[in-house]
Amino acid sequence: MDCVFCKIRDGQIPSFKIHEDQRTLTFMDINPLNSGHCLVTTKAHAATIHESDVEDLKAIMVAAKKVAAAIQHALRPDGLNLLQANGAAAFQSVPHFHLHLIPRWNKDGKGFDWTPVPGDRAQIIAVGERVRDLVGE
């Protein structure tokens, strides 16, 4: 398999690991948005949330909470982004399920915002009904 995160997991590519448990691995991002930016990955390869094992998803959130607390204590950021992307259209650059933990400071000059635009209420309801009906399946 030619997955950079699997190679990091297997020690084939160096990384600065900051947390590891049975199901997850957390390491520093080599292209950080801000100082302290790290990645929490599942050890099992799954490209997106859709392929991920439910137990791995539970474990990755527990690990993210633990690492987020450490970031808060160590760096005292004003905020923290927890980001996850699925597929190229969502800007996922590595096809291995992972979370970004990004410390944020007021006026850090980094963006991640958009202007809210009111949606069409009928469309919102129609889409919501479709999704709600499938959630129960």
C-alpha atoms as a PDB file:
ATOM      1  CA  MET A   1       0.000   0.000   0.000  1.00  0.00           C
ATOM      2  CA  ASP A   2       1.337   3.421  -0.908  1.00  0.00           C
ATOM      3  CA  CYS A   3      -0.165   5.442   1.961  1.00  0.00           C
ATOM      4  CA  VAL A   4       2.041   8.033   3.636  1.00  0.00           C
ATOM      5  CA  PHE A   5       0.240   7.682   6.978  1.00  0.00           C
ATOM      6  CA  CYS A   6       0.570   3.892   6.905  1.00  0.00           C
ATOM      7  CA  LYS A   7       4.283   4.363   6.211  1.00  0.00           C
ATOM      8  CA  ILE A   8       4.524   6.732   9.186  1.00  0.00           C
ATOM      9  CA  ARG A   9       2.640   4.177  11.323  1.00  0.00           C
ATOM     10  CA  ASP A  10       5.057   1.456  10.215  1.00  0.00           C
ATOM     11  CA  GLY A  11       8.171   3.572  10.843  1.00  0.00           C
ATOM     12  CA  GLN A  12       9.102   3.781   7.155  1.00  0.00           C
ATOM     13  CA  ILE A  13       8.808   7.589   7.189  1.00  0.00           C
ATOM     14  CA  PRO A  14      10.060   9.594  10.170  1.00  0.00           C
ATOM     15  CA  SER A  15       7.618  11.629  12.218  1.00  0.00           C
ATOM     16  CA  PHE A  16       7.394  13.297  15.594  1.00  0.00           C
ATOM     17  CA  LYS A  17       4.872  11.109  17.401  1.00  0.00           C
ATOM     18  CA  ILE A  18       3.090  12.632  20.372  1.00  0.00           C
ATOM     19  CA  HIS A  19       0.527   9.967  21.277  1.00  0.00           C
ATOM     20  CA  GLU A  20      -0.166   6.358  20.416  1.00  0.00           C
ATOM     21  CA  ASP A  21      -2.624   3.747  21.595  1.00  0.00           C
ATOM     22  CA  GLN A  22      -3.938   0.458  20.237  1.00  0.00           C
ATOM     23  CA  ARG A  23      -6.047   2.054  17.492  1.00  0.00           C
ATOM     24  CA  THR A  24      -4.643   5.563  16.924  1.00  0.00           C
ATOM     25  CA  LEU A  25      -1.459   7.465  16.280  1.00  0.00           C
ATOM     26  CA  THR A  26      -0.933  11.221  16.672  1.00  0.00           C
ATOM     27  CA  PHE A  27       2.009  13.074  15.165  1.00  0.00           C
ATOM     28  CA  MET A  28       2.991  16.627  14.336  1.00  0.00           C
ATOM     29  CA  ASP A  29       1.947  17.982  10.938  1.00  0.00           C
ATOM     30  CA  ILE A  30       4.991  18.822   8.786  1.00  0.00           C
ATOM     31  CA  ASN A  31       3.013  21.584   7.033  1.00  0.00           C
ATOM     32  CA  PRO A  32       1.393  23.223  10.064  1.00  0.00           C
ATOM     33  CA  LEU A  33      -1.217  25.938   9.764  1.00  0.00           C
ATOM     34  CA  ASN A  34      -0.082  27.108  13.227  1.00  0.00           C
ATOM     35  CA  SER A  35       2.448  25.948  15.774  1.00  0.00           C
ATOM     36  CA  GLY A  36       1.158  22.811  17.491  1.00  0.00           C
ATOM     37  CA  HIS A  37      -0.860  21.568  14.488  1.00  0.00           C
ATOM     38  CA  CYS A  38      -0.994  17.788  14.699  1.00  0.00           C
ATOM     39  CA  LEU A  39      -2.759  14.875  13.035  1.00  0.00           C
ATOM     40  CA  VAL A  40      -4.675  12.144  14.816  1.00  0.00           C
ATOM     41  CA  THR A  41      -4.912   9.053  12.595  1.00  0.00           C
ATOM     42  CA  THR A  42      -6.435   5.641  12.786  1.00  0.00           C
ATOM     43  CA  LYS A  43      -3.828   2.895  12.679  1.00  0.00           C
ATOM     44  CA  ALA A  44      -6.051   0.789  10.446  1.00  0.00           C
ATOM     45  CA  HIS A  45      -6.085   2.109   6.909  1.00  0.00           C
ATOM     46  CA  ALA A  46      -9.421   3.523   5.813  1.00  0.00           C
ATOM     47  CA  ALA A  47      -9.553   6.283   3.223  1.00  0.00           C
ATOM     48  CA  THR A  48     -12.536   8.181   4.660  1.00  0.00           C
ATOM     49  CA  ILE A  49     -15.124   8.100   7.403  1.00  0.00           C
ATOM     50  CA  HIS A  50     -17.248   5.912   5.130  1.00  0.00           C
ATOM     51  CA  GLU A  51     -14.754   3.036   5.234  1.00  0.00           C
ATOM     52  CA  SER A  52     -13.700   3.514   8.861  1.00  0.00           C
ATOM     53  CA  ASP A  53     -14.487   1.000  11.589  1.00  0.00           C
ATOM     54  CA  VAL A  54     -16.854   2.403  14.234  1.00  0.00           C
ATOM     55  CA  GLU A  55     -14.517   1.365  17.061  1.00  0.00           C
ATOM     56  CA  ASP A  56     -11.654   3.215  15.352  1.00  0.00           C
ATOM     57  CA  LEU A  57     -13.856   6.302  15.088  1.00  0.00           C
ATOM     58  CA  LYS A  58     -14.633   6.128  18.794  1.00  0.00           C
ATOM     59  CA  ALA A  59     -10.950   5.715  19.614  1.00  0.00           C
ATOM     60  CA  ILE A  60      -9.851   8.609  17.433  1.00  0.00           C
ATOM     61  CA  MET A  61     -12.218  10.992  19.222  1.00  0.00           C
ATOM     62  CA  VAL A  62     -10.930   9.859  22.627  1.00  0.00           C
ATOM     63  CA  ALA A  63      -7.350  10.393  21.433  1.00  0.00           C
ATOM     64  CA  ALA A  64      -8.243  13.795  19.959  1.00  0.00           C
ATOM     65  CA  LYS A  65      -9.725  14.925  23.263  1.00  0.00           C
ATOM     66  CA  LYS A  66      -6.601  13.803  25.147  1.00  0.00           C
ATOM     67  CA  VAL A  67      -4.243  15.545  22.718  1.00  0.00           C
ATOM     68  CA  ALA A  68      -6.431  18.685  22.569  1.00  0.00           C
ATOM     69  CA  ALA A  69      -6.198  18.950  26.367  1.00  0.00           C
ATOM     70  CA  ALA A  70      -2.406  18.674  26.155  1.00  0.00           C
ATOM     71  CA  ILE A  71      -2.283  21.350  23.430  1.00  0.00           C
ATOM     72  CA  GLN A  72      -4.458  23.622  25.563  1.00  0.00           C
ATOM     73  CA  HIS A  73      -2.209  23.143  28.585  1.00  0.00           C
ATOM     74  CA  ALA A  74       1.090  23.467  26.688  1.00  0.00           C
ATOM     75  CA  LEU A  75       0.283  26.310  24.297  1.00  0.00           C
ATOM     76  CA  ARG A  76      -2.728  28.138  25.767  1.00  0.00           C
ATOM     77  CA  PRO A  77      -4.297  28.912  22.365  1.00  0.00           C
ATOM     78  CA  ASP A  78      -7.418  31.080  22.169  1.00  0.00           C
ATOM     79  CA  GLY A  79      -9.191  28.295  20.274  1.00  0.00           C
ATOM     80  CA  LEU A  80      -8.736  24.994  18.493  1.00  0.00           C
ATOM     81  CA  ASN A  81      -9.972  23.759  15.135  1.00  0.00           C
ATOM     82  CA  LEU A  82     -10.751  20.068  14.823  1.00  0.00           C
ATOM     83  CA  LEU A  83     -10.998  19.426  11.086  1.00  0.00           C
ATOM     84  CA  GLN A  84     -11.677  16.301   9.079  1.00  0.00           C
ATOM     85  CA  ALA A  85     -12.123  15.974   5.311  1.00  0.00           C
ATOM     86  CA  ASN A  86     -13.469  13.174   3.114  1.00  0.00           C
ATOM     87  CA  GLY A  87     -12.574  13.145  -0.553  1.00  0.00           C
ATOM     88  CA  ALA A  88     -10.781  15.547  -2.874  1.00  0.00           C
ATOM     89  CA  ALA A  89     -13.770  17.899  -3.137  1.00  0.00           C
ATOM     90  CA  ALA A  90     -13.502  18.408   0.643  1.00  0.00           C
ATOM     91  CA  PHE A  91      -9.734  19.078   0.315  1.00  0.00           C
ATOM     92  CA  GLN A  92      -8.607  15.719   1.717  1.00  0.00           C
ATOM     93  CA  SER A  93      -4.999  15.476   0.565  1.00  0.00           C
ATOM     94  CA  VAL A  94      -4.056  12.150   2.195  1.00  0.00           C
ATOM     95  CA  PRO A  95      -6.583   9.334   1.656  1.00  0.00           C
ATOM     96  CA  HIS A  96      -6.295   7.912   5.182  1.00  0.00           C
ATOM     97  CA  PHE A  97      -8.868   8.913   7.798  1.00  0.00           C
ATOM     98  CA  HIS A  98      -7.439  11.552  10.136  1.00  0.00           C
ATOM     99  CA  LEU A  99      -8.279  14.594  12.213  1.00  0.00           C
ATOM    100  CA  HIS A 100      -6.397  17.874  12.255  1.00  0.00           C
ATOM    101  CA  LEU A 101      -5.990  19.538  15.644  1.00  0.00           C
ATOM    102  CA  ILE A 102      -5.036  23.138  14.950  1.00  0.00           C
ATOM    103  CA  PRO A 103      -4.355  25.582  17.772  1.00  0.00           C
ATOM    104  CA  ARG A 104      -5.734  29.025  16.962  1.00  0.00           C
ATOM    105  CA  TRP A 105      -4.950  32.453  18.330  1.00  0.00           C
ATOM    106  CA  ASN A 106      -6.929  35.637  17.946  1.00  0.00           C
ATOM    107  CA  LYS A 107      -5.572  37.565  14.968  1.00  0.00           C
ATOM    108  CA  ASP A 108      -3.289  34.696  13.883  1.00  0.00           C
ATOM    109  CA  GLY A 109      -3.879  35.768  10.288  1.00  0.00           C
ATOM    110  CA  LYS A 110      -5.151  32.349   9.247  1.00  0.00           C
ATOM    111  CA  GLY A 111      -8.497  31.940   7.592  1.00  0.00           C
ATOM    112  CA  PHE A 112     -11.228  29.408   7.866  1.00  0.00           C
ATOM    113  CA  ASP A 113     -14.426  31.268   7.527  1.00  0.00           C
ATOM    114  CA  TRP A 114     -17.172  31.968   5.082  1.00  0.00           C
ATOM    115  CA  THR A 115     -19.980  34.433   4.820  1.00  0.00           C
ATOM    116  CA  PRO A 116     -23.261  32.848   5.913  1.00  0.00           C
ATOM    117  CA  VAL A 117     -25.858  33.010   3.166  1.00  0.00           C
ATOM    118  CA  PRO A 118     -29.445  32.113   4.043  1.00  0.00           C
ATOM    119  CA  GLY A 119     -30.522  28.877   2.383  1.00  0.00           C
ATOM    120  CA  ASP A 120     -33.822  28.053   0.750  1.00  0.00           C
ATOM    121  CA  ARG A 121     -36.027  26.791   3.590  1.00  0.00           C
ATOM    122  CA  ALA A 122     -37.945  24.314   1.405  1.00  0.00           C
ATOM    123  CA  GLN A 123     -34.702  22.822   0.092  1.00  0.00           C
ATOM    124  CA  ILE A 124     -33.219  22.618   3.600  1.00  0.00           C
ATOM    125  CA  ILE A 125     -36.304  20.736   4.801  1.00  0.00           C
ATOM    126  CA  ALA A 126     -36.389  18.418   1.757  1.00  0.00           C
ATOM    127  CA  VAL A 127     -32.712  17.488   2.085  1.00  0.00           C
ATOM    128  CA  GLY A 128     -33.046  17.122   5.856  1.00  0.00           C
ATOM    129  CA  GLU A 129     -35.966  14.729   5.411  1.00  0.00           C
ATOM    130  CA  ARG A 130     -34.013  12.609   2.916  1.00  0.00           C
ATOM    131  CA  VAL A 131     -31.022  12.362   5.231  1.00  0.00           C
ATOM    132  CA  ARG A 132     -33.135  11.762   8.353  1.00  0.00           C
ATOM    133  CA  ASP A 133     -34.971   8.913   6.601  1.00  0.00           C
ATOM    134  CA  LEU A 134     -31.678   7.215   5.731  1.00  0.00           C
ATOM    135  CA  VAL A 135     -30.082   7.671   9.156  1.00  0.00           C
ATOM    136  CA  GLY A 136     -32.526   5.158  10.621  1.00  0.00           C
ATOM    137  CA  GLU A 137     -31.621   2.471   8.096  1.00  0.00           C
END
